Structure formats: C-alpha cells, structure tokens
Amino acid sequence: MDARKKVIRGGIIPAQIRAARALVGLTQDDLASASGLPKRTIARVELAEVSPRQSTLSSVRAALEAAGVEFIEENGGGAGVRLRKDVAG
C-alpha cells in the first residue's frame, strides 16, 4: 500500500494530517508545539514511517481539531479534512 494512503490507528491517514496542517496554516513546528510532541514524531507520522501510539495520534488529532479542523472518515469518496463551520467564516 502506498505510504500516502496508509491508514494509521484511529482511522486517519498521513495525508489528512498534512492537509489539516495546511488548511489551518500550521507548520510541523506549530503542530509539535500544539500537540506537545517532538517535531520528528510529527514528520515520521506524516510520512507513514511509524505506526503511532494511540496517545500520539490523539494528541495530533486534538491539536488539529482545536485549530478548527474536522476529519472526514472514508465514506466511499475518500477520507478528507475540512474547516469547522464556525471557523470557516
């Protein structure tokens, strides 16, 4: 399976994390600070180099959701991300 499409624990894919960061204008450094994780961990998760612990994934997801991101589960049209309605303006 292509690493860009590899589903990681929690039902999200690395591309969703990268897209979520871009959507809200966060760098890997920003996400590392917001999640309390090392930047290297963020980079490795985004590249699907590791299968992250649930706590790691929860921290990443919580930081991105706090920034206004909604994760869209695979529903036949592909997994994705979007801004929460109250953030999208």
N, C-alpha and C. Protein backbone atom coordinates (compact mmCIF):
# COMPACT_ATOMS: atom_id res chain seq x y z
N MET A 1 0.85 -1.18 0.00
CA MET A 1 0.00 0.00 0.00
C MET A 1 0.89 1.24 0.00
N ASP A 2 0.53 2.21 -0.77
CA ASP A 2 1.23 3.48 -0.84
C ASP A 2 1.22 4.14 0.53
N ALA A 3 2.39 4.58 1.01
CA ALA A 3 2.50 5.19 2.34
C ALA A 3 1.59 6.41 2.48
N ARG A 4 1.34 7.12 1.39
CA ARG A 4 0.49 8.31 1.47
C ARG A 4 -0.96 7.95 1.77
N LYS A 5 -1.34 6.69 1.50
CA LYS A 5 -2.72 6.26 1.72
C LYS A 5 -2.84 5.30 2.89
N LYS A 6 -1.74 5.01 3.55
CA LYS A 6 -1.74 4.05 4.65
C LYS A 6 -2.57 4.59 5.81
N VAL A 7 -3.57 3.83 6.20
CA VAL A 7 -4.41 4.22 7.33
C VAL A 7 -3.63 3.94 8.61
N ILE A 8 -3.57 4.93 9.47
CA ILE A 8 -2.93 4.74 10.76
C ILE A 8 -4.00 4.58 11.81
N ARG A 9 -3.61 4.05 12.94
CA ARG A 9 -4.57 3.82 14.02
C ARG A 9 -5.43 5.05 14.25
N GLY A 10 -6.71 4.85 14.43
CA GLY A 10 -7.61 5.97 14.65
C GLY A 10 -8.36 6.35 13.39
N GLY A 11 -8.10 5.64 12.30
CA GLY A 11 -8.87 5.83 11.09
C GLY A 11 -8.50 7.04 10.25
N ILE A 12 -7.36 7.66 10.50
CA ILE A 12 -6.95 8.76 9.63
C ILE A 12 -5.69 8.36 8.89
N ILE A 13 -5.42 9.04 7.81
CA ILE A 13 -4.23 8.75 7.01
C ILE A 13 -3.26 9.92 7.11
N PRO A 14 -1.97 9.63 6.89
CA PRO A 14 -0.97 10.70 6.98
C PRO A 14 -1.30 11.92 6.11
N ALA A 15 -1.86 11.69 4.94
CA ALA A 15 -2.21 12.81 4.06
C ALA A 15 -3.24 13.73 4.71
N GLN A 16 -4.13 13.17 5.53
CA GLN A 16 -5.10 14.00 6.23
C GLN A 16 -4.41 14.93 7.22
N ILE A 17 -3.39 14.43 7.88
CA ILE A 17 -2.66 15.27 8.84
C ILE A 17 -1.96 16.40 8.11
N ARG A 18 -1.29 16.07 7.00
CA ARG A 18 -0.60 17.11 6.22
C ARG A 18 -1.61 18.14 5.70
N ALA A 19 -2.74 17.65 5.17
CA ALA A 19 -3.76 18.55 4.63
C ALA A 19 -4.37 19.41 5.73
N ALA A 20 -4.60 18.82 6.88
CA ALA A 20 -5.17 19.57 8.01
C ALA A 20 -4.24 20.70 8.43
N ARG A 21 -2.95 20.39 8.51
CA ARG A 21 -1.98 21.44 8.87
C ARG A 21 -2.02 22.57 7.86
N ALA A 22 -2.03 22.21 6.59
CA ALA A 22 -2.05 23.23 5.53
C ALA A 22 -3.33 24.07 5.59
N LEU A 23 -4.44 23.41 5.85
CA LEU A 23 -5.73 24.09 5.88
C LEU A 23 -5.78 25.20 6.92
N VAL A 24 -5.14 24.96 8.06
CA VAL A 24 -5.16 25.96 9.13
C VAL A 24 -3.84 26.72 9.26
N GLY A 25 -2.92 26.48 8.32
CA GLY A 25 -1.67 27.24 8.27
C GLY A 25 -0.68 26.90 9.36
N LEU A 26 -0.63 25.64 9.77
CA LEU A 26 0.33 25.22 10.78
C LEU A 26 1.54 24.55 10.14
N THR A 27 2.71 24.85 10.65
CA THR A 27 3.91 24.13 10.25
C THR A 27 4.04 22.89 11.13
N GLN A 28 4.97 22.03 10.80
CA GLN A 28 5.23 20.88 11.67
C GLN A 28 5.67 21.36 13.05
N ASP A 29 6.46 22.43 13.10
CA ASP A 29 6.86 23.00 14.39
C ASP A 29 5.65 23.46 15.20
N ASP A 30 4.70 24.12 14.52
CA ASP A 30 3.49 24.59 15.19
C ASP A 30 2.69 23.42 15.75
N LEU A 31 2.53 22.38 14.94
CA LEU A 31 1.77 21.22 15.38
C LEU A 31 2.49 20.50 16.52
N ALA A 32 3.79 20.44 16.44
CA ALA A 32 4.56 19.84 17.53
C ALA A 32 4.31 20.59 18.84
N SER A 33 4.35 21.90 18.78
CA SER A 33 4.10 22.71 19.99
C SER A 33 2.68 22.52 20.50
N ALA A 34 1.73 22.55 19.59
CA ALA A 34 0.32 22.45 19.98
C ALA A 34 -0.03 21.07 20.54
N SER A 35 0.66 20.05 20.05
CA SER A 35 0.35 18.68 20.48
C SER A 35 1.24 18.20 21.62
N GLY A 36 2.33 18.92 21.88
CA GLY A 36 3.27 18.50 22.91
C GLY A 36 4.17 17.36 22.48
N LEU A 37 4.29 17.17 21.18
CA LEU A 37 5.12 16.09 20.63
C LEU A 37 6.34 16.65 19.93
N PRO A 38 7.40 15.85 19.80
CA PRO A 38 8.56 16.31 19.05
C PRO A 38 8.24 16.47 17.56
N LYS A 39 8.86 17.43 16.94
CA LYS A 39 8.66 17.65 15.51
C LYS A 39 9.00 16.39 14.71
N ARG A 40 10.02 15.68 15.11
CA ARG A 40 10.43 14.47 14.40
C ARG A 40 9.30 13.43 14.41
N THR A 41 8.56 13.36 15.49
CA THR A 41 7.43 12.44 15.57
C THR A 41 6.36 12.84 14.56
N ILE A 42 6.07 14.12 14.50
CA ILE A 42 5.08 14.62 13.53
C ILE A 42 5.51 14.25 12.12
N ALA A 43 6.77 14.52 11.80
CA ALA A 43 7.29 14.23 10.46
C ALA A 43 7.19 12.74 10.13
N ARG A 44 7.55 11.90 11.08
CA ARG A 44 7.53 10.45 10.85
C ARG A 44 6.11 9.93 10.68
N VAL A 45 5.17 10.47 11.43
CA VAL A 45 3.77 10.07 11.29
C VAL A 45 3.25 10.49 9.92
N GLU A 46 3.55 11.73 9.52
CA GLU A 46 3.09 12.23 8.22
C GLU A 46 3.67 11.44 7.05
N LEU A 47 4.86 10.90 7.21
CA LEU A 47 5.49 10.10 6.16
C LEU A 47 5.15 8.62 6.27
N ALA A 48 4.33 8.25 7.24
CA ALA A 48 3.94 6.86 7.49
C ALA A 48 5.16 5.99 7.76
N GLU A 49 6.15 6.56 8.41
CA GLU A 49 7.34 5.80 8.79
C GLU A 49 7.13 5.00 10.06
N VAL A 50 6.12 5.36 10.81
CA VAL A 50 5.84 4.69 12.09
C VAL A 50 4.35 4.41 12.19
N SER A 51 4.02 3.48 13.05
CA SER A 51 2.63 3.27 13.44
C SER A 51 2.52 3.91 14.82
N PRO A 52 1.96 5.10 14.89
CA PRO A 52 1.98 5.85 16.14
C PRO A 52 1.14 5.22 17.24
N ARG A 53 1.54 5.49 18.46
CA ARG A 53 0.74 5.10 19.61
C ARG A 53 -0.58 5.84 19.55
N GLN A 54 -1.58 5.27 20.17
CA GLN A 54 -2.89 5.93 20.21
C GLN A 54 -2.79 7.30 20.88
N SER A 55 -1.97 7.40 21.92
CA SER A 55 -1.83 8.69 22.61
C SER A 55 -1.20 9.75 21.70
N THR A 56 -0.27 9.34 20.86
CA THR A 56 0.35 10.26 19.90
C THR A 56 -0.68 10.76 18.91
N LEU A 57 -1.41 9.83 18.34
CA LEU A 57 -2.43 10.17 17.36
C LEU A 57 -3.52 11.04 17.97
N SER A 58 -3.90 10.72 19.19
CA SER A 58 -4.91 11.53 19.89
C SER A 58 -4.43 12.95 20.11
N SER A 59 -3.16 13.12 20.45
CA SER A 59 -2.59 14.46 20.65
C SER A 59 -2.57 15.26 19.36
N VAL A 60 -2.19 14.62 18.26
CA VAL A 60 -2.16 15.28 16.96
C VAL A 60 -3.57 15.67 16.55
N ARG A 61 -4.47 14.72 16.64
CA ARG A 61 -5.85 14.98 16.24
C ARG A 61 -6.47 16.09 17.08
N ALA A 62 -6.27 16.05 18.40
CA ALA A 62 -6.84 17.06 19.29
C ALA A 62 -6.30 18.46 18.96
N ALA A 63 -5.01 18.55 18.67
CA ALA A 63 -4.41 19.85 18.34
C ALA A 63 -5.00 20.39 17.04
N LEU A 64 -5.17 19.53 16.06
CA LEU A 64 -5.72 19.98 14.78
C LEU A 64 -7.21 20.32 14.91
N GLU A 65 -7.94 19.54 15.68
CA GLU A 65 -9.35 19.85 15.89
C GLU A 65 -9.51 21.16 16.66
N ALA A 66 -8.63 21.42 17.62
CA ALA A 66 -8.67 22.68 18.36
C ALA A 66 -8.40 23.87 17.45
N ALA A 67 -7.64 23.63 16.38
CA ALA A 67 -7.34 24.68 15.42
C ALA A 67 -8.47 24.88 14.41
N GLY A 68 -9.49 24.02 14.48
CA GLY A 68 -10.66 24.20 13.61
C GLY A 68 -10.84 23.17 12.52
N VAL A 69 -10.10 22.09 12.56
CA VAL A 69 -10.18 21.06 11.54
C VAL A 69 -11.21 20.00 11.93
N GLU A 70 -11.94 19.50 10.94
CA GLU A 70 -12.78 18.32 11.10
C GLU A 70 -12.21 17.24 10.21
N PHE A 71 -12.08 16.04 10.75
CA PHE A 71 -11.62 14.91 9.95
C PHE A 71 -12.83 14.22 9.36
N ILE A 72 -12.78 13.92 8.08
CA ILE A 72 -13.86 13.25 7.38
C ILE A 72 -13.40 11.81 7.14
N GLU A 73 -14.15 10.88 7.69
CA GLU A 73 -13.80 9.47 7.55
C GLU A 73 -14.03 9.01 6.11
N GLU A 74 -13.38 7.92 5.75
CA GLU A 74 -13.57 7.29 4.45
C GLU A 74 -15.05 6.94 4.32
N ASN A 75 -15.67 7.42 3.25
CA ASN A 75 -17.11 7.18 3.06
C ASN A 75 -17.43 6.81 1.62
N GLY A 76 -16.46 6.25 0.95
CA GLY A 76 -16.66 5.90 -0.45
C GLY A 76 -16.13 6.98 -1.39
N GLY A 77 -16.03 8.19 -0.88
CA GLY A 77 -15.50 9.29 -1.68
C GLY A 77 -14.10 9.66 -1.27
N GLY A 78 -13.56 8.96 -0.31
CA GLY A 78 -12.21 9.22 0.17
C GLY A 78 -12.22 10.00 1.48
N ALA A 79 -11.21 9.74 2.27
CA ALA A 79 -11.04 10.45 3.53
C ALA A 79 -10.61 11.88 3.24
N GLY A 80 -10.89 12.78 4.18
CA GLY A 80 -10.51 14.17 3.96
C GLY A 80 -10.52 14.98 5.24
N VAL A 81 -10.38 16.28 5.06
CA VAL A 81 -10.44 17.24 6.15
C VAL A 81 -11.19 18.48 5.66
N ARG A 82 -11.74 19.19 6.60
CA ARG A 82 -12.39 20.46 6.28
C ARG A 82 -12.35 21.35 7.51
N LEU A 83 -12.62 22.63 7.31
CA LEU A 83 -12.74 23.56 8.43
C LEU A 83 -14.11 23.39 9.07
N ARG A 84 -14.15 23.49 10.39
CA ARG A 84 -15.44 23.52 11.06
C ARG A 84 -16.23 24.72 10.57
N LYS A 85 -17.50 24.59 10.51
CA LYS A 85 -18.35 25.65 10.01
C LYS A 85 -18.16 26.97 10.76
N ASP A 86 -17.98 26.89 12.08
CA ASP A 86 -17.82 28.11 12.87
C ASP A 86 -16.44 28.76 12.67
N VAL A 87 -15.52 28.05 12.04
CA VAL A 87 -14.19 28.59 11.76
C VAL A 87 -14.10 29.10 10.33
N ALA A 88 -14.82 28.47 9.43
CA ALA A 88 -14.72 28.76 8.00
C ALA A 88 -15.18 30.17 7.65
N GLY A 89 -15.91 30.81 8.54
CA GLY A 89 -16.29 32.19 8.34
C GLY A 89 -17.37 32.38 7.38
